[in-house]
Amino acid sequence: MKFSFILNYENEKEFFDHWESKYSDSNEPVYLENINKPLTEESIQLLFEWKNGGKIALKKLQSIRKLSFSV
């Protein structure tokens, strides 16, 4: 069975409002302490761990660190 769907948004705010409503964990301390602030290597890692539900594998962590240096 194949499913497909299209989501259309008039602007960026509609896009974020839609997806924000799908997540109830925005009251978590790690999220609140690190979002809407300048990103650092540490905050990026903490947000990835938070979203991943725990520690991140070494190989993935290395790619996150590479990403951090380009922010």
Protein backbone atom coordinates (compact mmCIF):
# COMPACT_ATOMS: atom_id res chain seq x y z
CA MET A 1 0.00 0.00 0.00
CA LYS A 2 1.32 3.44 -0.89
CA PHE A 3 0.41 6.67 0.88
CA SER A 4 1.20 10.18 -0.22
CA PHE A 5 0.17 13.65 0.85
CA ILE A 6 0.98 17.28 0.15
CA LEU A 7 1.28 20.03 2.71
CA ASN A 8 1.01 23.58 1.42
CA TYR A 9 1.92 26.62 3.46
CA GLU A 10 1.49 30.25 2.55
CA ASN A 11 4.54 31.30 4.55
CA GLU A 12 7.21 30.21 7.00
CA LYS A 13 5.05 30.97 10.05
CA GLU A 14 2.30 28.60 8.85
CA PHE A 15 4.90 25.88 8.32
CA PHE A 16 6.34 26.26 11.83
CA ASP A 17 2.92 26.60 13.46
CA HIS A 18 1.79 23.36 11.84
CA TRP A 19 4.81 21.30 12.93
CA GLU A 20 5.06 22.92 16.36
CA SER A 21 1.55 21.65 17.10
CA LYS A 22 2.77 18.08 16.51
CA TYR A 23 5.28 18.19 19.37
CA SER A 24 4.26 18.47 23.00
CA ASP A 25 7.80 18.27 24.40
CA SER A 26 8.67 21.94 23.84
CA ASN A 27 8.45 22.52 27.61
CA GLU A 28 11.53 20.38 28.23
CA PRO A 29 14.42 22.22 29.95
CA VAL A 30 17.10 21.24 27.41
CA TYR A 31 14.92 22.57 24.60
CA LEU A 32 14.01 25.79 26.38
CA GLU A 33 17.59 26.51 27.47
CA ASN A 34 19.06 26.07 23.98
CA ILE A 35 16.47 27.17 21.44
CA ASN A 36 16.10 30.69 20.00
CA LYS A 37 19.64 31.55 21.08
CA PRO A 38 22.90 31.63 19.15
CA LEU A 39 23.97 28.04 18.49
CA THR A 40 27.21 26.75 19.95
CA GLU A 41 28.88 23.37 19.54
CA GLU A 42 27.58 22.41 22.99
CA SER A 43 23.99 23.58 22.40
CA ILE A 44 23.81 21.78 19.05
CA GLN A 45 24.99 18.55 20.66
CA LEU A 46 22.52 18.93 23.55
CA LEU A 47 19.63 19.53 21.14
CA PHE A 48 20.58 16.49 19.05
CA GLU A 49 20.77 14.35 22.21
CA TRP A 50 17.43 15.73 23.43
CA LYS A 51 15.70 14.99 20.13
CA ASN A 52 17.41 11.59 19.86
CA GLY A 53 16.28 10.61 23.35
CA GLY A 54 19.76 10.14 24.77
CA LYS A 55 23.39 9.78 23.91
CA ILE A 56 24.47 9.79 20.28
CA ALA A 57 26.73 7.25 18.59
CA LEU A 58 30.33 8.39 18.12
CA LYS A 59 30.16 8.50 14.32
CA LYS A 60 27.04 10.66 14.38
CA LEU A 61 28.56 12.85 17.08
CA GLN A 62 31.57 13.48 14.84
CA SER A 63 29.31 14.63 12.01
CA ILE A 64 27.43 16.92 14.42
CA ARG A 65 30.72 18.47 15.49
CA LYS A 66 31.61 19.13 11.85
CA LEU A 67 28.23 20.83 11.46
CA SER A 68 28.87 22.91 14.59
CA PHE A 69 31.97 24.47 13.13
CA SER A 70 30.00 25.74 10.13
CA VAL A 71 27.36 27.52 12.27
